[in-house]
Structures are given as C-alpha cells and as structure tokens.
Protein backbone atom coordinates (compact mmCIF):
# COMPACT_ATOMS: atom_id res chain seq x y z
CA MET A 1 -25.45 7.44 0.58
CA THR A 2 -24.88 7.15 4.12
CA THR A 3 -23.49 9.93 6.19
CA THR A 4 -20.48 10.65 8.86
CA ALA A 5 -20.83 12.71 11.75
CA THR A 6 -18.55 15.47 12.24
CA ASP A 7 -19.91 17.15 15.71
CA LYS A 8 -22.98 16.41 17.49
CA THR A 9 -25.04 18.70 15.31
CA THR A 10 -23.77 18.41 11.28
CA THR A 11 -23.53 15.53 9.28
CA VAL A 12 -21.61 15.18 5.83
CA PRO A 13 -22.15 12.91 3.03
CA THR A 14 -19.82 9.81 2.63
CA PRO A 15 -18.49 9.39 -0.72
CA LEU A 16 -19.37 6.68 -2.88
CA THR A 17 -16.66 4.34 -3.13
CA LEU A 18 -16.14 2.24 -6.16
CA ASP A 19 -13.78 -0.01 -4.62
CA GLY A 20 -14.11 -3.70 -4.65
CA ALA A 21 -16.28 -6.70 -6.18
CA TRP A 22 -19.60 -5.48 -7.30
CA THR A 23 -22.24 -8.03 -8.58
CA ALA A 24 -24.09 -7.93 -11.78
CA LEU A 25 -26.87 -9.64 -10.37
CA ILE A 26 -29.02 -12.05 -12.02
CA THR A 27 -33.02 -11.68 -12.61
CA PRO A 28 -34.54 -14.98 -11.12
CA PHE A 29 -37.43 -15.97 -13.06
CA ARG A 30 -40.16 -18.58 -12.13
CA ASP A 31 -43.01 -19.90 -14.33
CA GLY A 32 -42.02 -16.58 -16.60
CA ARG A 33 -42.28 -13.95 -13.67
CA VAL A 34 -39.52 -12.25 -11.88
CA ASP A 35 -39.22 -14.36 -8.57
CA ALA A 36 -39.57 -11.92 -6.16
CA PRO A 37 -38.29 -14.35 -2.90
CA ALA A 38 -35.44 -15.91 -5.05
CA LEU A 39 -34.27 -12.52 -5.63
CA ARG A 40 -34.18 -11.25 -2.30
CA ALA A 41 -32.56 -14.43 -1.05
CA LEU A 42 -29.88 -14.01 -3.39
CA VAL A 43 -29.56 -10.33 -2.42
CA GLU A 44 -28.85 -11.66 0.98
CA ARG A 45 -26.76 -14.16 0.18
CA GLN A 46 -24.50 -11.69 -1.32
CA VAL A 47 -24.84 -8.92 1.51
CA LEU A 48 -23.73 -11.91 3.92
CA ALA A 49 -20.62 -12.47 1.53
CA VAL A 50 -19.78 -8.91 2.53
CA ILE A 51 -19.78 -7.75 -1.43
CA SER A 52 -18.96 -4.60 -1.66
CA GLY A 53 -22.24 -3.63 -4.08
CA LEU A 54 -24.74 -4.74 -6.16
CA VAL A 55 -25.87 -3.80 -9.80
CA ALA A 56 -29.37 -4.49 -10.72
CA CYS A 57 -30.76 -4.43 -14.24
CA GLY A 58 -27.59 -4.46 -16.00
CA SER A 59 -27.21 -7.08 -19.10
CA THR A 60 -26.77 -9.90 -16.14
CA GLY A 61 -29.91 -9.05 -15.17
CA GLU A 62 -31.57 -9.45 -18.55
CA THR A 63 -33.00 -5.62 -18.84
CA PRO A 64 -33.81 -5.92 -22.26
CA THR A 65 -36.59 -8.38 -21.56
CA LEU A 66 -37.82 -6.95 -18.84
CA SER A 67 -40.99 -4.72 -18.82
CA ALA A 68 -40.96 -1.10 -17.83
CA GLU A 69 -43.12 -2.44 -14.25
CA GLU A 70 -40.46 -5.37 -13.83
CA TYR A 71 -37.25 -3.39 -14.27
CA GLU A 72 -38.75 -0.72 -11.19
CA ARG A 73 -39.73 -3.80 -9.42
CA VAL A 74 -36.20 -5.61 -9.91
CA ILE A 75 -34.81 -2.17 -8.48
CA ALA A 76 -37.00 -2.09 -5.63
CA ILE A 77 -36.85 -5.21 -4.48
CA VAL A 78 -33.24 -5.12 -4.49
CA ILE A 79 -33.06 -1.83 -2.70
CA ASP A 80 -35.09 -2.87 -0.16
CA GLN A 81 -33.40 -6.04 0.72
CA VAL A 82 -30.32 -4.33 1.08
CA ALA A 83 -31.94 -1.86 3.38
CA GLY A 84 -28.79 0.58 3.26
CA ARG A 85 -26.21 -2.22 4.11
CA ILE A 86 -24.40 -1.89 0.76
CA PRO A 87 -24.93 0.50 -2.06
CA VAL A 88 -26.87 -0.57 -4.98
CA MET A 89 -26.20 0.65 -8.89
CA ALA A 90 -28.89 0.27 -11.16
CA GLY A 91 -28.77 -0.24 -14.71
CA THR A 92 -30.02 2.73 -16.55
CA GLY A 93 -28.62 2.98 -19.83
CA SER A 94 -30.37 2.32 -23.47
CA ASN A 95 -29.92 3.91 -26.51
CA ASP A 96 -32.33 7.01 -26.35
CA THR A 97 -31.22 10.11 -24.36
CA ALA A 98 -34.42 10.92 -22.89
CA THR A 99 -35.32 7.09 -21.55
CA THR A 100 -31.48 7.18 -20.12
CA LEU A 101 -32.55 10.27 -18.20
CA GLU A 102 -35.80 9.36 -16.76
CA ARG A 103 -34.54 5.83 -16.16
CA THR A 104 -31.65 7.76 -13.90
CA ARG A 105 -33.72 9.70 -12.25
CA ALA A 106 -36.43 6.95 -11.42
CA ALA A 107 -33.26 4.83 -10.09
CA GLN A 108 -32.37 8.05 -7.76
CA ARG A 109 -36.26 8.54 -6.39
CA ALA A 110 -36.21 4.62 -5.54
CA GLY A 111 -32.94 5.12 -3.60
CA ALA A 112 -29.85 3.66 -5.96
CA SER A 113 -26.58 4.65 -4.83
CA ALA A 114 -25.46 5.28 -8.29
CA ALA A 115 -26.36 4.53 -12.09
CA LEU A 116 -24.82 2.28 -14.58
CA VAL A 117 -25.05 3.66 -17.98
CA VAL A 118 -24.21 1.44 -20.76
CA MET A 119 -23.04 3.43 -24.05
CA PRO A 120 -26.12 3.52 -26.74
CA TYR A 121 -26.30 0.37 -28.79
CA TYR A 122 -27.70 -0.36 -31.85
CA ASN A 123 -27.54 3.58 -33.32
CA ARG A 124 -23.73 3.73 -32.95
CA PRO A 125 -23.06 7.53 -32.52
CA THR A 126 -19.95 8.89 -32.68
CA GLN A 127 -17.05 9.67 -29.81
CA GLU A 128 -19.08 13.27 -29.79
CA GLY A 129 -22.24 11.72 -29.69
CA LEU A 130 -21.55 9.55 -26.61
CA PHE A 131 -19.81 12.58 -24.64
CA GLN A 132 -23.01 14.51 -25.19
CA HIS A 133 -25.38 11.66 -24.53
CA ILE A 134 -23.65 11.35 -20.99
CA THR A 135 -23.18 15.10 -20.50
CA TYR A 136 -27.03 15.39 -21.30
CA VAL A 137 -27.82 12.97 -18.51
CA ALA A 138 -24.98 14.62 -16.31
CA GLU A 139 -26.21 18.08 -16.28
CA ARG A 140 -30.07 17.09 -15.47
CA CYS A 141 -29.68 14.54 -12.61
CA ASP A 142 -27.27 14.37 -9.66
CA LEU A 143 -26.96 10.66 -9.27
CA PRO A 144 -23.57 9.40 -9.67
CA LEU A 145 -22.82 7.85 -13.07
CA VAL A 146 -20.77 4.77 -13.82
CA LEU A 147 -20.12 4.62 -17.54
CA TYR A 148 -20.07 1.05 -19.12
CA ASN A 149 -18.39 0.18 -22.51
CA VAL A 150 -18.96 -3.10 -23.84
CA PRO A 151 -18.21 -2.84 -27.45
CA GLY A 152 -19.05 -6.27 -28.20
CA ARG A 153 -22.71 -6.06 -27.06
CA THR A 154 -23.62 -2.46 -27.87
CA GLY A 155 -21.56 -1.46 -31.45
CA SER A 156 -20.54 1.66 -29.65
CA ASP A 157 -16.58 1.53 -28.31
CA LEU A 158 -15.94 4.60 -25.86
CA GLN A 159 -12.62 5.53 -26.54
CA PRO A 160 -10.16 6.23 -23.37
CA PRO A 161 -9.93 10.05 -24.87
CA THR A 162 -13.68 10.59 -24.55
CA VAL A 163 -13.65 8.92 -20.80
CA ALA A 164 -11.32 11.32 -19.61
CA ARG A 165 -13.40 14.17 -21.04
CA LEU A 166 -16.51 12.45 -19.30
CA ALA A 167 -13.86 12.16 -16.17
CA ALA A 168 -14.16 15.81 -15.79
CA LEU A 169 -17.91 15.68 -14.91
CA ASP A 170 -18.74 16.03 -10.99
CA THR A 171 -20.82 12.97 -11.57
CA VAL A 172 -19.25 10.61 -13.23
CA ILE A 173 -17.42 8.69 -11.03
CA GLY A 174 -16.41 5.60 -13.14
CA ILE A 175 -16.11 3.06 -15.73
CA LYS A 176 -16.83 -0.54 -16.01
CA GLU A 177 -14.39 -1.45 -18.82
CA ALA A 178 -15.55 -4.64 -20.83
CA SER A 179 -13.64 -4.49 -24.26
CA GLY A 180 -11.33 -7.10 -22.94
CA ASP A 181 -8.31 -5.38 -23.48
CA VAL A 182 -5.85 -4.38 -20.37
CA ASP A 183 -4.18 -1.90 -21.73
CA ARG A 184 -7.47 0.10 -22.97
CA SER A 185 -7.97 0.11 -18.89
CA SER A 186 -4.28 1.54 -18.64
CA GLU A 187 -4.85 4.09 -21.08
CA ILE A 188 -7.79 5.12 -19.22
CA ILE A 189 -6.56 5.30 -15.97
CA ARG A 190 -2.98 7.40 -17.27
CA LEU A 191 -5.82 9.75 -19.06
CA THR A 192 -8.05 10.11 -16.04
CA ALA A 193 -5.66 10.23 -13.33
CA PRO A 194 -4.90 13.94 -13.66
CA ILE A 195 -8.43 14.96 -14.01
CA ASP A 196 -9.89 13.12 -11.05
CA PRO A 197 -7.73 10.92 -9.32
CA ALA A 198 -10.62 9.30 -7.82
CA PHE A 199 -12.14 8.17 -11.17
CA ALA A 200 -12.39 4.12 -10.64
CA VAL A 201 -12.12 1.84 -13.53
CA LEU A 202 -13.21 -1.12 -12.63
CA SER A 203 -13.16 -4.45 -15.09
CA GLY A 204 -16.19 -5.96 -16.96
CA ASP A 205 -14.49 -8.91 -17.57
CA ASP A 206 -13.96 -11.22 -14.20
CA SER A 207 -10.74 -12.99 -15.47
CA LEU A 208 -9.09 -9.81 -16.19
CA THR A 209 -9.90 -8.35 -12.80
CA LEU A 210 -6.61 -9.29 -11.25
CA PRO A 211 -4.54 -8.07 -14.58
CA ILE A 212 -6.57 -4.52 -14.39
CA MET A 213 -6.11 -4.06 -10.63
CA SER A 214 -2.52 -4.52 -11.08
CA VAL A 215 -2.77 -1.44 -13.44
CA GLY A 216 -4.85 0.70 -10.95
CA GLY A 217 -8.32 -0.49 -11.31
CA ARG A 218 -10.26 -0.32 -8.52
CA GLY A 219 -12.13 -3.67 -8.62
CA VAL A 220 -14.85 -5.44 -10.81
CA ILE A 221 -18.24 -5.58 -11.56
CA SER A 222 -18.75 -9.38 -11.64
CA VAL A 223 -20.97 -12.28 -13.38
CA VAL A 224 -19.00 -14.57 -11.35
CA SER A 225 -19.72 -13.53 -7.97
CA ASN A 226 -23.55 -14.51 -8.34
CA ILE A 227 -21.93 -17.79 -8.00
CA VAL A 228 -18.78 -17.23 -5.39
CA PRO A 229 -19.27 -13.62 -3.93
CA ARG A 230 -16.64 -14.17 -0.57
CA ALA A 231 -14.04 -15.16 -3.49
CA MET A 232 -14.66 -12.47 -5.54
CA SER A 233 -14.57 -10.00 -2.46
CA ASP A 234 -11.49 -11.72 -1.09
CA LEU A 235 -9.75 -11.29 -4.36
CA THR A 236 -10.41 -7.64 -4.89
CA ALA A 237 -9.58 -7.12 -1.02
CA ALA A 238 -6.36 -8.76 -1.35
CA ALA A 239 -5.67 -6.62 -4.16
CA LEU A 240 -6.32 -3.13 -3.22
CA ALA A 241 -4.04 -4.19 -0.09
CA GLY A 242 -1.24 -5.03 -2.25
CA ASP A 243 -1.27 -8.73 -0.98
CA TYR A 244 -0.52 -10.01 -4.74
CA ALA A 245 -0.01 -13.19 -3.77
CA ARG A 246 -3.34 -13.82 -2.32
CA ALA A 247 -5.28 -12.07 -5.10
CA ARG A 248 -3.07 -14.48 -7.34
CA ALA A 249 -4.07 -17.63 -5.59
CA ILE A 250 -7.75 -16.87 -5.79
CA HIS A 251 -7.91 -15.58 -9.65
CA TYR A 252 -6.59 -19.07 -10.12
CA GLU A 253 -8.71 -20.85 -8.44
CA LEU A 254 -11.64 -19.15 -10.05
CA LEU A 255 -10.10 -19.22 -13.60
CA ASP A 256 -11.85 -22.11 -15.30
CA LEU A 257 -15.11 -21.19 -13.33
CA CYS A 258 -14.97 -17.36 -14.68
CA GLY A 259 -14.74 -18.79 -18.64
CA ALA A 260 -17.48 -21.19 -18.07
CA MET A 261 -19.75 -18.57 -17.03
CA PHE A 262 -18.90 -17.39 -20.58
CA VAL A 263 -19.15 -20.56 -22.68
CA GLU A 264 -22.64 -19.44 -23.80
CA THR A 265 -24.09 -15.92 -23.80
CA ASN A 266 -24.40 -14.41 -20.46
CA PRO A 267 -26.73 -14.72 -18.12
CA VAL A 268 -27.24 -18.07 -19.39
CA PRO A 269 -24.22 -20.14 -17.83
CA VAL A 270 -24.12 -18.55 -14.48
CA LYS A 271 -28.08 -18.91 -14.15
CA ALA A 272 -27.64 -22.61 -14.98
CA ALA A 273 -24.61 -22.52 -12.30
CA ALA A 274 -27.12 -20.91 -9.84
CA GLU A 275 -29.69 -23.56 -10.07
CA LEU A 276 -27.02 -26.28 -9.77
CA LEU A 277 -26.56 -25.19 -6.42
CA GLY A 278 -30.01 -24.75 -5.81
CA LEU A 279 -30.12 -20.92 -5.56
CA THR A 280 -33.04 -20.19 -8.50
CA THR A 281 -34.07 -21.79 -11.83
CA ALA A 282 -32.10 -21.67 -14.82
CA ASP A 283 -35.00 -19.71 -16.67
CA VAL A 284 -34.10 -17.05 -18.78
CA ARG A 285 -36.40 -15.25 -21.64
CA LEU A 286 -36.09 -15.22 -25.27
CA PRO A 287 -34.47 -14.68 -27.51
CA LEU A 288 -31.89 -16.33 -25.22
CA THR A 289 -32.41 -19.97 -24.52
CA ASN A 290 -31.50 -22.51 -21.92
CA LEU A 291 -27.60 -23.92 -21.83
CA LEU A 292 -26.48 -26.78 -24.52
CA PRO A 293 -25.87 -30.25 -22.64
CA ASP A 294 -22.31 -30.15 -23.81
CA SER A 295 -22.46 -26.34 -22.03
CA ARG A 296 -23.90 -27.26 -18.99
CA GLN A 297 -21.61 -30.17 -18.45
CA ARG A 298 -18.64 -27.51 -18.65
CA VAL A 299 -20.45 -25.45 -16.09
CA PHE A 300 -21.20 -28.56 -13.94
CA ALA A 301 -17.20 -29.61 -14.11
CA ALA A 302 -16.46 -26.16 -13.05
CA LEU A 303 -18.91 -25.81 -10.39
CA LEU A 304 -17.22 -29.15 -8.91
CA ALA A 305 -13.52 -28.09 -9.46
CA CYS A 306 -13.67 -24.54 -7.78
CA PRO A 307 -12.71 -24.83 -4.34
CA HIS A 308 -15.12 -21.79 -3.56
CA THR A 309 -18.48 -23.07 -4.28
CA ALA A 310 -18.77 -25.11 -1.45
CA ASP A 311 -18.39 -21.64 1.07
CA PRO A 312 -21.46 -21.73 2.94
CA LEU A 313 -21.59 -17.87 3.27
CA VAL A 314 -23.76 -17.83 5.99
CA PRO A 315 -23.93 -19.29 9.64
CA GLY A 316 -25.83 -21.99 11.47
CA GLU A 317 -28.87 -23.49 10.51
CA GLU A 318 -28.64 -21.47 6.61
CA ALA A 319 -24.69 -22.79 6.55
CA ALA A 320 -26.00 -26.35 6.70
CA ARG A 321 -28.56 -25.73 4.00
CA HIS A 322 -26.36 -24.34 1.70
CA ARG A 323 -23.82 -26.98 2.17
CA THR A 324 -26.43 -29.67 2.11
CA ALA A 325 -26.90 -27.91 -1.64
CA ASN A 326 -23.57 -27.68 -2.90
CA THR A 327 -23.25 -31.55 -2.33
CA ARG A 328 -26.37 -32.19 -4.94
CA ILE A 329 -25.20 -30.88 -7.65
CA GLU A 330 -26.63 -32.60 -10.50
CA VAL A 331 -26.63 -32.13 -14.24
CA ALA A 332 -30.04 -32.59 -15.89
CA ALA A 333 -30.67 -34.41 -18.56
C-alpha cells in the first residue's frame, strides 16, 4: 500500500481502490513448469498498459493445479515485477477455512495489496457457513479481502444479504461477482451502499462489465485483458468518468473477443489467444486440455476482428516487436 504525505513528518496509508480494470493473470507454462520469464513479461505488458491492478493465482491462473511452492513463487514473481507500480491481489481462497487464512497471511507477508477469496467449493456450505468462513479470516488477518462469487464453478452461491453482512467487516472491501446476473449485482449495490458506500462490486464476466458499471459497479476482474489490457482499462475509465458513449463503443469492439475467451473452459481459450499473439505458450495442465481445432479457429477469428489486438502497448523497439508478432497470427494444425 502506498502512502501520502500530510506534512513533512507524517504519512498516512493511501486506501486501496478497486476501481477500474484488474487482470486475472494467466500462469504461463513451458515444458510443464511455470515459465518465470514469460510471467514477468506478461506482468510488464500489463503495467505498461496502465491496468488498474493484477490478480495472481486466481481461477485464470490455474491455481488448483499449482503446487504449494509454485503458488507462492507465482505470487512472489508478480509482486517483484510490479515493484509497487500497481496493486497486486492474490487468490487465497480454498474450501478449507484454515488453509484460506494461512494463504491470506502468506499473501500479506509477500506484499500483496489484497486477497481474492473464492467461496468454498465442493463442500457447499450454507449462507451462515459462508459468512463465518469469511469472518474467521477477516478477524485474524488485516489484509483487505475481496469476495469472489462464482457459483458455476464452486457450487456455493453467496447471496446479496450475506454480502451485505460481510460488507460491515472492516477488511471486506468488495466483491468479484461472477454469477452472470446484472440484477444480482444491482441488489448487492443496493444493500451494501448504506453499510459501506465504498464497497466495490466488480464484474467477474468481461461482457457484463459495462452493464454492471452502469448500475454502480466499479470495474472488472478481467480475463480478456490478458490480451487487450489497454482496451479494457479504457472501457472502465470511460464508464467511471460517465462517458458511456465511449464505453459502449469499446464494449461492442470487444464483445466477440470476450465471447471467444469462453468457447471452452477458462483459461484454455485465453492461453491459446496469448500463444497466437506470441506472448506465451498455450500449455495448460491436466485435467484441462488444449483447445479443439474449431474453438481455436473461433479464437483466431476473434483476434483478427478485434481492433485492439494490434495495440503495441509499449513504445520504441518493443512496440515494433509487438506489431510484428501481431501480424504473424497463425492457427496451428
């Protein structure tokens, strides 16, 4: 967390803001191992694109198939490469409360700005169980917590009244809402506003970013921004500024690409897109498998059609290199 000077001798912490576009980073693999140089390059590309923040080791980062050592290493690499320029959120949730607390404390020690805590999966707790799970962590670690509701993956659906109860906790600062329901986000915003006006609702679905922001959401934790970080950053910035004409224009320019990122299970398509752009390999770990040929063709077509995939993102020689890479998109046989 950065600090702001109030006079010559004292500083106060600058509160973490969740506003804008956060990228849910992929974890690049090469020959079955975490590709640290590629990960650093991906992080640098995001920073240069003026993304609001990064999420390491979330669903898109294939956390379930990372070893404990790899998990800690990925978070450490991302934080080291960012070097304080933007905030880093670490995915720390699990279906075991003690493990979630342990991971959250470890993320704080590593220098993370916040923790993204997915709702417990498989064991399907009640709403009271979900409330107590988060409360247990919040009372024992002061790292800011962002709730993550993605019932399609977890089998646990955090209901708006429970979110409102959790919003009263000092360290619970927002939610990544990925139920795919704009009405759900609206209800969360309505219920949490009187409790904590700063509580932030972030879209967990790229194509719903603008609809959710139009009812009071503050941004997105994005998959497609692995590919087009500047465009998603521009979309959220325009919406936050009230420039909905510009936000709508970008929304429609990204719509097909957003859809292509979910033609198969995330992060398989986004990794294929990253490979097609020359950013990293498309390698995923079992039980995930590489894209089927028809799906790869759809990703390829969406990349070619999107006007933002040619954005070089960085100046000088690096810009030329990115432009060259973006003209060599090929579909593997």
